């Protein structure tokens, strides 16, 4: 997704270039200032969600999600929405607020607009990822999730050539969510 040209959102194009590692600063202070601007924008953007949930017209929301995200190519919409959820999940984990309580309340706030209430059950089972265990799974013929493949791809202990041997002939890896992470093969 490097170099994607698009309008400013939370991040400016310069912010995106910096976070992708495409831009460096001439001084440590300039970099600190840029990081502070990104943090401030993210904080205020998350706070804006309350106003958006309460006041954004349904038609406007539908135009964004149904039309714009619905018309995005490949897995781009899926990736963007998963990433938004992942950032919020990690962010809630950084606080002392229980994620399941946040998720329950969020679903019910959304459903209340349609005159409904929901029961939300969240079951999260953690498994430690390691290159050794994932490579063992590949060697024994097991399939890996896109997340597991991306983890291996990003890990310094696994060469791209070694990983490519396992996924080169695998037709099930024909998914845009992983292609952006493994296109350098």
N, C-alpha and C. Protein backbone atom coordinates (compact mmCIF):
# COMPACT_ATOMS: atom_id res chain seq x y z
N UNK A 1 0.83 -1.18 0.00
CA UNK A 1 0.00 0.00 0.00
C UNK A 1 0.88 1.25 0.00
N UNK A 2 2.12 1.08 -0.30
CA UNK A 2 3.05 2.20 -0.27
C UNK A 2 2.69 3.21 -1.34
N UNK A 3 2.79 4.47 -0.99
CA UNK A 3 2.59 5.54 -1.93
C UNK A 3 1.17 5.76 -2.38
N UNK A 4 0.20 5.27 -1.63
CA UNK A 4 -1.18 5.44 -2.06
C UNK A 4 -1.57 6.92 -1.97
N UNK A 5 -2.06 7.44 -3.09
CA UNK A 5 -2.49 8.83 -3.17
C UNK A 5 -3.97 8.89 -2.81
N UNK A 6 -4.27 9.62 -1.78
CA UNK A 6 -5.66 9.79 -1.41
C UNK A 6 -5.79 11.03 -0.54
N UNK A 7 -7.03 11.42 -0.29
CA UNK A 7 -7.29 12.61 0.51
C UNK A 7 -6.83 12.41 1.94
N UNK A 8 -6.67 13.52 2.61
CA UNK A 8 -6.28 13.46 4.01
C UNK A 8 -7.42 12.88 4.85
N UNK A 9 -7.04 12.02 5.76
CA UNK A 9 -7.95 11.51 6.78
C UNK A 9 -7.41 11.96 8.12
N UNK A 10 -7.26 11.04 9.02
CA UNK A 10 -6.59 11.35 10.28
C UNK A 10 -5.15 11.76 9.98
N UNK A 11 -4.55 11.07 9.02
CA UNK A 11 -3.15 11.30 8.67
C UNK A 11 -3.04 12.13 7.39
N UNK A 12 -2.05 12.99 7.36
CA UNK A 12 -1.72 13.70 6.13
C UNK A 12 -0.87 12.76 5.27
N UNK A 13 -0.66 13.11 4.02
CA UNK A 13 0.20 12.28 3.16
C UNK A 13 1.61 12.22 3.74
N UNK A 14 2.08 13.32 4.33
CA UNK A 14 3.42 13.32 4.95
C UNK A 14 3.45 12.37 6.14
N UNK A 15 2.37 12.33 6.93
CA UNK A 15 2.30 11.40 8.06
C UNK A 15 2.35 9.96 7.56
N UNK A 16 1.62 9.67 6.50
CA UNK A 16 1.61 8.32 5.95
C UNK A 16 3.00 7.93 5.46
N UNK A 17 3.66 8.85 4.76
CA UNK A 17 5.00 8.57 4.25
C UNK A 17 5.96 8.30 5.42
N UNK A 18 5.84 9.06 6.49
CA UNK A 18 6.70 8.85 7.66
C UNK A 18 6.44 7.48 8.28
N UNK A 19 5.18 7.13 8.48
CA UNK A 19 4.85 5.85 9.11
C UNK A 19 5.25 4.66 8.24
N UNK A 20 5.24 4.85 6.93
CA UNK A 20 5.68 3.78 6.02
C UNK A 20 7.20 3.72 5.92
N UNK A 21 7.91 4.66 6.56
CA UNK A 21 9.37 4.68 6.51
C UNK A 21 9.92 5.33 5.26
N UNK A 22 9.09 6.07 4.53
CA UNK A 22 9.51 6.70 3.28
C UNK A 22 10.00 8.13 3.49
N UNK A 23 9.88 8.64 4.71
CA UNK A 23 10.27 10.02 4.98
C UNK A 23 11.06 10.05 6.28
N UNK A 24 12.13 10.79 6.26
CA UNK A 24 12.91 11.00 7.47
C UNK A 24 12.94 12.49 7.77
N UNK A 25 13.28 12.81 9.00
CA UNK A 25 13.33 14.20 9.43
C UNK A 25 14.77 14.63 9.64
N UNK A 26 14.98 15.93 9.50
CA UNK A 26 16.34 16.46 9.61
C UNK A 26 16.79 16.57 11.06
N UNK A 27 15.84 16.51 11.99
CA UNK A 27 16.23 16.60 13.40
C UNK A 27 15.34 15.69 14.25
N UNK A 28 15.85 15.32 15.39
CA UNK A 28 15.08 14.51 16.33
C UNK A 28 13.83 15.25 16.76
N UNK A 29 13.94 16.57 16.96
CA UNK A 29 12.79 17.36 17.40
C UNK A 29 11.69 17.38 16.34
N UNK A 30 12.04 17.45 15.07
CA UNK A 30 11.05 17.42 14.00
C UNK A 30 10.30 16.10 14.00
N UNK A 31 11.03 15.01 14.23
CA UNK A 31 10.38 13.70 14.29
C UNK A 31 9.46 13.61 15.50
N UNK A 32 9.90 14.10 16.64
CA UNK A 32 9.04 14.11 17.83
C UNK A 32 7.77 14.91 17.59
N UNK A 33 7.91 16.05 16.93
CA UNK A 33 6.74 16.89 16.63
C UNK A 33 5.76 16.15 15.72
N UNK A 34 6.29 15.46 14.71
CA UNK A 34 5.42 14.70 13.80
C UNK A 34 4.69 13.59 14.55
N UNK A 35 5.41 12.87 15.40
CA UNK A 35 4.79 11.79 16.17
C UNK A 35 3.72 12.34 17.11
N UNK A 36 3.98 13.50 17.71
CA UNK A 36 2.99 14.12 18.60
C UNK A 36 1.75 14.54 17.81
N UNK A 37 1.93 15.08 16.61
CA UNK A 37 0.78 15.47 15.78
C UNK A 37 -0.07 14.25 15.45
N UNK A 38 0.58 13.13 15.11
CA UNK A 38 -0.18 11.90 14.79
C UNK A 38 -0.94 11.43 16.03
N UNK A 39 -0.30 11.42 17.18
CA UNK A 39 -0.98 11.00 18.42
C UNK A 39 -2.18 11.90 18.71
N UNK A 40 -1.98 13.22 18.59
CA UNK A 40 -3.06 14.16 18.87
C UNK A 40 -4.24 13.97 17.92
N UNK A 41 -3.94 13.78 16.64
CA UNK A 41 -5.02 13.58 15.65
C UNK A 41 -5.77 12.28 15.92
N UNK A 42 -5.03 11.23 16.25
CA UNK A 42 -5.68 9.95 16.55
C UNK A 42 -6.58 10.08 17.77
N UNK A 43 -6.09 10.70 18.82
CA UNK A 43 -6.88 10.90 20.04
C UNK A 43 -8.18 11.65 19.73
N UNK A 44 -8.06 12.76 19.01
CA UNK A 44 -9.25 13.56 18.70
C UNK A 44 -10.17 12.84 17.73
N UNK A 45 -9.62 12.07 16.80
CA UNK A 45 -10.45 11.32 15.86
C UNK A 45 -11.30 10.28 16.58
N UNK A 46 -10.69 9.56 17.52
CA UNK A 46 -11.45 8.56 18.28
C UNK A 46 -12.55 9.26 19.08
N UNK A 47 -12.25 10.40 19.64
CA UNK A 47 -13.27 11.16 20.38
C UNK A 47 -14.38 11.63 19.45
N UNK A 48 -14.07 11.90 18.17
CA UNK A 48 -15.09 12.32 17.21
C UNK A 48 -16.09 11.22 16.88
N UNK A 49 -15.71 9.97 17.10
CA UNK A 49 -16.63 8.87 16.79
C UNK A 49 -17.96 8.99 17.54
N UNK A 50 -17.92 9.47 18.76
CA UNK A 50 -19.17 9.63 19.51
C UNK A 50 -20.12 10.57 18.78
N UNK A 51 -19.61 11.69 18.30
CA UNK A 51 -20.44 12.63 17.55
C UNK A 51 -20.92 12.00 16.25
N UNK A 52 -20.04 11.28 15.57
CA UNK A 52 -20.43 10.63 14.32
C UNK A 52 -21.54 9.61 14.55
N UNK A 53 -21.43 8.81 15.61
CA UNK A 53 -22.46 7.81 15.91
C UNK A 53 -23.79 8.50 16.22
N UNK A 54 -23.73 9.60 16.96
CA UNK A 54 -24.94 10.30 17.38
C UNK A 54 -25.55 11.17 16.29
N UNK A 55 -24.72 11.82 15.47
CA UNK A 55 -25.25 12.87 14.61
C UNK A 55 -25.10 12.64 13.11
N UNK A 56 -24.24 11.73 12.69
CA UNK A 56 -24.07 11.51 11.25
C UNK A 56 -25.34 10.90 10.69
N UNK A 57 -25.86 11.49 9.65
CA UNK A 57 -27.06 11.01 9.00
C UNK A 57 -26.84 9.58 8.47
N UNK A 58 -27.84 8.72 8.63
CA UNK A 58 -27.73 7.34 8.15
C UNK A 58 -27.34 7.29 6.67
N UNK A 59 -27.91 8.18 5.89
CA UNK A 59 -27.62 8.21 4.45
C UNK A 59 -26.13 8.51 4.22
N UNK A 60 -25.57 9.44 4.98
CA UNK A 60 -24.15 9.76 4.83
C UNK A 60 -23.28 8.57 5.23
N UNK A 61 -23.65 7.90 6.32
CA UNK A 61 -22.89 6.71 6.74
C UNK A 61 -22.95 5.64 5.66
N UNK A 62 -24.14 5.42 5.09
CA UNK A 62 -24.30 4.42 4.04
C UNK A 62 -23.48 4.77 2.80
N UNK A 63 -23.41 6.06 2.48
CA UNK A 63 -22.62 6.47 1.33
C UNK A 63 -21.14 6.17 1.54
N UNK A 64 -20.68 6.29 2.77
CA UNK A 64 -19.28 5.98 3.06
C UNK A 64 -19.05 4.48 3.03
N UNK A 65 -19.84 3.73 3.79
CA UNK A 65 -19.56 2.30 3.94
C UNK A 65 -20.12 1.47 2.80
N UNK A 66 -21.36 1.67 2.45
CA UNK A 66 -21.95 0.85 1.39
C UNK A 66 -21.36 1.20 0.03
N UNK A 67 -21.29 2.48 -0.26
CA UNK A 67 -20.83 2.90 -1.60
C UNK A 67 -19.31 2.92 -1.71
N UNK A 68 -18.64 3.67 -0.82
CA UNK A 68 -17.20 3.82 -0.98
C UNK A 68 -16.45 2.54 -0.62
N UNK A 69 -16.69 2.02 0.57
CA UNK A 69 -16.00 0.77 0.93
C UNK A 69 -16.50 -0.37 0.06
N UNK A 70 -17.78 -0.37 -0.26
CA UNK A 70 -18.34 -1.43 -1.09
C UNK A 70 -17.77 -1.46 -2.50
N UNK A 71 -17.24 -0.34 -2.96
CA UNK A 71 -16.69 -0.26 -4.32
C UNK A 71 -15.17 -0.34 -4.36
N UNK A 72 -14.55 -0.57 -3.22
CA UNK A 72 -13.09 -0.68 -3.21
C UNK A 72 -12.66 -2.00 -3.84
N UNK A 73 -11.52 -1.98 -4.46
CA UNK A 73 -11.02 -3.16 -5.17
C UNK A 73 -10.49 -4.22 -4.21
N UNK A 74 -10.64 -5.47 -4.62
CA UNK A 74 -10.06 -6.59 -3.88
C UNK A 74 -10.45 -6.60 -2.43
N UNK A 75 -9.45 -6.83 -1.60
CA UNK A 75 -9.69 -6.93 -0.16
C UNK A 75 -9.39 -5.61 0.56
N UNK A 76 -9.27 -4.51 -0.18
CA UNK A 76 -8.91 -3.23 0.43
C UNK A 76 -9.91 -2.79 1.50
N UNK A 77 -11.20 -2.94 1.22
CA UNK A 77 -12.21 -2.54 2.21
C UNK A 77 -12.11 -3.42 3.44
N UNK A 78 -12.00 -4.71 3.23
CA UNK A 78 -11.86 -5.64 4.35
C UNK A 78 -10.65 -5.29 5.19
N UNK A 79 -9.52 -5.06 4.53
CA UNK A 79 -8.28 -4.73 5.23
C UNK A 79 -8.42 -3.45 6.04
N UNK A 80 -9.04 -2.42 5.45
CA UNK A 80 -9.21 -1.14 6.15
C UNK A 80 -10.09 -1.30 7.38
N UNK A 81 -11.18 -2.03 7.24
CA UNK A 81 -12.10 -2.22 8.38
C UNK A 81 -11.49 -3.11 9.45
N UNK A 82 -10.78 -4.15 9.06
CA UNK A 82 -10.10 -5.00 10.03
C UNK A 82 -9.04 -4.19 10.77
N UNK A 83 -8.29 -3.38 10.05
CA UNK A 83 -7.25 -2.57 10.67
C UNK A 83 -7.84 -1.57 11.65
N UNK A 84 -8.98 -0.96 11.31
CA UNK A 84 -9.64 -0.02 12.23
C UNK A 84 -10.04 -0.74 13.51
N UNK A 85 -10.63 -1.92 13.36
CA UNK A 85 -11.03 -2.69 14.53
C UNK A 85 -9.81 -3.13 15.35
N UNK A 86 -8.75 -3.53 14.65
CA UNK A 86 -7.53 -3.97 15.35
C UNK A 86 -6.91 -2.83 16.14
N UNK A 87 -6.87 -1.63 15.56
CA UNK A 87 -6.32 -0.49 16.28
C UNK A 87 -7.16 -0.18 17.52
N UNK A 88 -8.47 -0.21 17.38
CA UNK A 88 -9.33 0.06 18.54
C UNK A 88 -9.19 -1.04 19.59
N UNK A 89 -9.09 -2.28 19.15
CA UNK A 89 -8.91 -3.39 20.09
C UNK A 89 -7.62 -3.20 20.88
N UNK A 90 -6.53 -2.92 20.16
CA UNK A 90 -5.24 -2.71 20.84
C UNK A 90 -5.30 -1.47 21.74
N UNK A 91 -5.98 -0.43 21.26
CA UNK A 91 -6.09 0.80 22.04
C UNK A 91 -6.86 0.60 23.33
N UNK A 92 -7.97 -0.13 23.25
CA UNK A 92 -8.74 -0.41 24.47
C UNK A 92 -7.90 -1.23 25.43
N UNK A 93 -7.12 -2.16 24.90
CA UNK A 93 -6.24 -2.98 25.73
C UNK A 93 -5.19 -2.13 26.46
N UNK A 94 -4.84 -0.99 25.89
CA UNK A 94 -3.89 -0.08 26.52
C UNK A 94 -4.50 0.69 27.69
N UNK A 95 -5.80 0.65 27.81
CA UNK A 95 -6.49 1.34 28.91
C UNK A 95 -6.84 0.32 29.98
N UNK A 96 -7.52 0.76 31.02
CA UNK A 96 -7.99 -0.19 32.04
C UNK A 96 -9.46 -0.54 31.81
N UNK A 97 -9.95 -0.32 30.59
CA UNK A 97 -11.33 -0.61 30.24
C UNK A 97 -11.40 -2.01 29.61
N UNK A 98 -12.40 -2.78 29.98
CA UNK A 98 -12.58 -4.13 29.48
C UNK A 98 -13.09 -4.11 28.04
N UNK A 99 -12.36 -4.76 27.12
CA UNK A 99 -12.75 -4.74 25.71
C UNK A 99 -14.13 -5.35 25.49
N UNK A 100 -14.42 -6.44 26.17
CA UNK A 100 -15.73 -7.09 25.98
C UNK A 100 -16.86 -6.14 26.36
N UNK A 101 -16.67 -5.36 27.42
CA UNK A 101 -17.68 -4.38 27.82
C UNK A 101 -17.83 -3.29 26.75
N UNK A 102 -16.69 -2.85 26.19
CA UNK A 102 -16.73 -1.84 25.14
C UNK A 102 -17.45 -2.40 23.91
N UNK A 103 -17.11 -3.61 23.51
CA UNK A 103 -17.73 -4.23 22.35
C UNK A 103 -19.22 -4.41 22.56
N UNK A 104 -19.61 -4.90 23.73
CA UNK A 104 -21.03 -5.10 24.06
C UNK A 104 -21.78 -3.78 23.95
N UNK A 105 -21.25 -2.74 24.55
CA UNK A 105 -21.92 -1.45 24.52
C UNK A 105 -21.96 -0.87 23.11
N UNK A 106 -20.87 -1.03 22.35
CA UNK A 106 -20.82 -0.51 20.99
C UNK A 106 -21.87 -1.17 20.10
N UNK A 107 -21.98 -2.48 20.18
CA UNK A 107 -22.98 -3.19 19.38
C UNK A 107 -24.38 -2.74 19.79
N UNK A 108 -24.61 -2.58 21.09
CA UNK A 108 -25.94 -2.17 21.54
C UNK A 108 -26.26 -0.72 21.20
N UNK A 109 -25.28 0.16 21.22
CA UNK A 109 -25.52 1.54 20.78
C UNK A 109 -25.92 1.53 19.30
N UNK A 110 -25.22 0.74 18.49
CA UNK A 110 -25.55 0.66 17.07
C UNK A 110 -26.92 0.05 16.85
N UNK A 111 -27.24 -1.01 17.57
CA UNK A 111 -28.53 -1.68 17.39
C UNK A 111 -29.71 -0.87 17.94
N UNK A 112 -29.47 -0.07 18.95
CA UNK A 112 -30.55 0.75 19.52
C UNK A 112 -31.15 1.68 18.47
N UNK A 113 -30.35 2.10 17.52
CA UNK A 113 -30.85 2.94 16.44
C UNK A 113 -31.91 2.25 15.60
N UNK A 114 -31.89 0.93 15.60
CA UNK A 114 -32.91 0.13 14.88
C UNK A 114 -33.93 -0.46 15.83
N UNK A 115 -33.92 0.02 17.09
CA UNK A 115 -34.90 -0.46 18.07
C UNK A 115 -34.62 -1.87 18.55
N UNK A 116 -33.37 -2.26 18.58
CA UNK A 116 -33.02 -3.61 19.01
C UNK A 116 -31.96 -3.55 20.10
N UNK A 117 -31.88 -4.63 20.84
CA UNK A 117 -30.77 -4.85 21.77
C UNK A 117 -30.11 -6.15 21.36
N UNK A 118 -28.87 -6.31 21.74
CA UNK A 118 -28.12 -7.50 21.32
C UNK A 118 -27.41 -8.12 22.51
N UNK A 119 -27.23 -9.42 22.42
CA UNK A 119 -26.37 -10.12 23.36
C UNK A 119 -25.06 -10.36 22.64
N UNK A 120 -23.97 -9.98 23.28
CA UNK A 120 -22.66 -10.09 22.66
C UNK A 120 -21.82 -11.06 23.48
N UNK A 121 -21.35 -12.10 22.83
CA UNK A 121 -20.45 -13.05 23.47
C UNK A 121 -19.11 -12.99 22.74
N UNK A 122 -18.07 -12.78 23.48
CA UNK A 122 -16.74 -12.73 22.91
C UNK A 122 -15.89 -13.80 23.58
N UNK A 123 -15.30 -14.64 22.76
CA UNK A 123 -14.42 -15.68 23.27
C UNK A 123 -13.09 -15.54 22.56
N UNK A 124 -12.09 -15.11 23.28
CA UNK A 124 -10.76 -14.93 22.71
C UNK A 124 -9.83 -15.95 23.35
N UNK A 125 -9.21 -16.77 22.52
CA UNK A 125 -8.23 -17.73 22.98
C UNK A 125 -6.89 -17.31 22.41
N UNK A 126 -5.93 -17.14 23.28
CA UNK A 126 -4.62 -16.68 22.85
C UNK A 126 -3.70 -17.85 22.58
N UNK A 127 -2.91 -17.71 21.53
CA UNK A 127 -1.91 -18.71 21.18
C UNK A 127 -0.64 -17.94 20.83
N UNK A 128 0.45 -18.27 21.44
CA UNK A 128 1.71 -17.59 21.18
C UNK A 128 2.21 -17.96 19.79
N UNK A 129 2.49 -16.96 18.96
CA UNK A 129 3.04 -17.20 17.64
C UNK A 129 4.55 -17.30 17.73
N UNK A 130 5.10 -18.29 17.06
CA UNK A 130 6.55 -18.38 16.97
C UNK A 130 6.87 -18.89 15.57
N UNK A 131 7.99 -18.44 15.03
CA UNK A 131 8.36 -18.92 13.70
C UNK A 131 8.49 -20.45 13.65
N UNK A 132 9.04 -21.01 14.74
CA UNK A 132 9.25 -22.46 14.75
C UNK A 132 7.93 -23.22 14.66
N UNK A 133 6.94 -22.81 15.47
CA UNK A 133 5.67 -23.54 15.46
C UNK A 133 4.93 -23.35 14.14
N UNK A 134 5.01 -22.16 13.57
CA UNK A 134 4.32 -21.92 12.30
C UNK A 134 5.01 -22.65 11.15
N UNK A 135 6.32 -22.67 11.15
CA UNK A 135 7.03 -23.43 10.11
C UNK A 135 6.74 -24.92 10.25
N UNK A 136 6.65 -25.41 11.48
CA UNK A 136 6.30 -26.82 11.70
C UNK A 136 4.91 -27.12 11.11
N UNK A 137 3.97 -26.20 11.33
CA UNK A 137 2.63 -26.39 10.75
C UNK A 137 2.71 -26.47 9.23
N UNK A 138 3.49 -25.57 8.63
CA UNK A 138 3.62 -25.60 7.17
C UNK A 138 4.27 -26.89 6.70
N UNK A 139 5.32 -27.31 7.39
CA UNK A 139 6.04 -28.52 7.00
C UNK A 139 5.16 -29.77 7.12
N UNK A 140 4.21 -29.74 8.04
CA UNK A 140 3.33 -30.89 8.21
C UNK A 140 2.07 -30.78 7.34
N UNK A 141 2.04 -29.76 6.47
CA UNK A 141 0.93 -29.65 5.52
C UNK A 141 -0.28 -28.90 6.02
N UNK A 142 -0.20 -28.33 7.21
CA UNK A 142 -1.33 -27.56 7.73
C UNK A 142 -1.38 -26.20 7.06
N UNK A 143 -2.59 -25.65 6.95
CA UNK A 143 -2.75 -24.31 6.39
C UNK A 143 -2.54 -23.28 7.48
N UNK A 144 -2.01 -22.14 7.09
CA UNK A 144 -1.85 -21.02 8.01
C UNK A 144 -2.86 -19.94 7.66
N UNK A 145 -3.27 -19.21 8.67
CA UNK A 145 -4.14 -18.06 8.42
C UNK A 145 -3.33 -16.95 7.77
N UNK A 146 -4.02 -15.97 7.23
CA UNK A 146 -3.33 -14.83 6.64
C UNK A 146 -2.49 -14.11 7.68
N UNK A 147 -3.00 -14.03 8.89
CA UNK A 147 -2.26 -13.39 9.97
C UNK A 147 -0.97 -14.14 10.27
N UNK A 148 -1.06 -15.46 10.30
CA UNK A 148 0.13 -16.28 10.57
C UNK A 148 1.16 -16.13 9.45
N UNK A 149 0.69 -16.12 8.20
CA UNK A 149 1.61 -15.93 7.08
C UNK A 149 2.28 -14.56 7.14
N UNK A 150 1.50 -13.54 7.45
CA UNK A 150 2.06 -12.19 7.56
C UNK A 150 3.08 -12.12 8.69
N UNK A 151 2.80 -12.81 9.79
CA UNK A 151 3.74 -12.85 10.91
C UNK A 151 5.06 -13.47 10.47
N UNK A 152 4.99 -14.61 9.77
CA UNK A 152 6.21 -15.25 9.29
C UNK A 152 6.95 -14.35 8.31
N UNK A 153 6.21 -13.72 7.44
CA UNK A 153 6.82 -12.84 6.44
C UNK A 153 7.57 -11.69 7.10
N UNK A 154 7.04 -11.19 8.18
CA UNK A 154 7.65 -10.07 8.87
C UNK A 154 8.72 -10.44 9.87
N UNK A 155 8.94 -11.73 10.07
CA UNK A 155 9.88 -12.17 11.09
C UNK A 155 11.28 -12.31 10.51
N UNK A 156 12.27 -11.79 11.20
CA UNK A 156 13.65 -11.80 10.71
C UNK A 156 14.25 -13.20 10.62
N UNK A 157 13.74 -14.15 11.40
CA UNK A 157 14.32 -15.50 11.43
C UNK A 157 13.86 -16.37 10.26
N UNK A 158 12.93 -15.88 9.46
CA UNK A 158 12.40 -16.67 8.35
C UNK A 158 12.72 -15.95 7.05
N UNK A 159 13.50 -16.59 6.21
CA UNK A 159 13.85 -15.95 4.93
C UNK A 159 12.63 -15.98 4.01
N UNK A 160 12.59 -15.01 3.15
CA UNK A 160 11.47 -14.94 2.19
C UNK A 160 11.51 -16.12 1.25
N UNK A 161 12.71 -16.56 0.89
CA UNK A 161 12.83 -17.72 0.01
C UNK A 161 12.24 -18.96 0.67
N UNK A 162 12.52 -19.15 1.94
CA UNK A 162 12.01 -20.32 2.66
C UNK A 162 10.49 -20.29 2.73
N UNK A 163 9.94 -19.12 3.05
CA UNK A 163 8.48 -19.00 3.13
C UNK A 163 7.85 -19.16 1.75
N UNK A 164 8.50 -18.63 0.73
CA UNK A 164 7.97 -18.72 -0.63
C UNK A 164 7.84 -20.16 -1.09
N UNK A 165 8.74 -21.04 -0.62
CA UNK A 165 8.65 -22.46 -1.00
C UNK A 165 7.33 -23.06 -0.56
N UNK A 166 6.82 -22.61 0.56
CA UNK A 166 5.57 -23.19 1.08
C UNK A 166 4.33 -22.59 0.44
N UNK A 167 4.40 -21.33 0.06
CA UNK A 167 3.19 -20.69 -0.43
C UNK A 167 3.16 -20.54 -1.94
N UNK A 168 4.25 -20.82 -2.64
CA UNK A 168 4.32 -20.61 -4.08
C UNK A 168 3.28 -21.43 -4.83
N UNK A 169 3.06 -22.65 -4.42
CA UNK A 169 2.12 -23.52 -5.11
C UNK A 169 0.75 -23.56 -4.45
N UNK A 170 0.55 -22.81 -3.39
CA UNK A 170 -0.69 -22.84 -2.64
C UNK A 170 -1.68 -21.86 -3.25
N UNK A 171 -2.69 -22.38 -3.94
CA UNK A 171 -3.69 -21.53 -4.58
C UNK A 171 -4.59 -20.83 -3.58
N UNK A 172 -4.63 -21.28 -2.34
CA UNK A 172 -5.50 -20.65 -1.35
C UNK A 172 -4.93 -19.35 -0.84
N UNK A 173 -3.69 -19.01 -1.20
CA UNK A 173 -3.07 -17.78 -0.74
C UNK A 173 -3.29 -16.66 -1.76
N UNK A 174 -4.25 -16.84 -2.65
CA UNK A 174 -4.56 -15.84 -3.66
C UNK A 174 -5.52 -14.81 -3.08
N UNK A 175 -5.08 -14.10 -2.08
CA UNK A 175 -5.93 -13.16 -1.37
C UNK A 175 -5.19 -11.84 -1.20
N UNK A 176 -5.82 -10.74 -1.55
CA UNK A 176 -5.18 -9.43 -1.47
C UNK A 176 -4.70 -9.07 -0.08
N UNK A 177 -5.33 -9.60 0.96
CA UNK A 177 -4.90 -9.26 2.32
C UNK A 177 -3.49 -9.70 2.58
N UNK A 178 -3.07 -10.77 1.96
CA UNK A 178 -1.70 -11.22 2.20
C UNK A 178 -0.78 -10.75 1.08
N UNK A 179 -1.33 -10.51 -0.09
CA UNK A 179 -0.47 -10.16 -1.22
C UNK A 179 0.33 -8.91 -0.96
N UNK A 180 -0.26 -7.92 -0.32
CA UNK A 180 0.51 -6.71 -0.05
C UNK A 180 1.66 -6.98 0.88
N UNK A 181 1.58 -8.05 1.66
CA UNK A 181 2.63 -8.37 2.60
C UNK A 181 3.66 -9.34 2.04
N UNK A 182 3.32 -10.02 0.95
CA UNK A 182 4.24 -11.00 0.41
C UNK A 182 4.60 -10.75 -1.06
N UNK A 183 4.25 -9.61 -1.61
CA UNK A 183 4.51 -9.38 -3.02
C UNK A 183 5.99 -9.30 -3.35
N UNK A 184 6.83 -9.09 -2.34
CA UNK A 184 8.25 -9.03 -2.62
C UNK A 184 8.82 -10.41 -2.93
N UNK A 185 8.06 -11.49 -2.79
CA UNK A 185 8.59 -12.83 -3.06
C UNK A 185 9.04 -12.85 -4.47
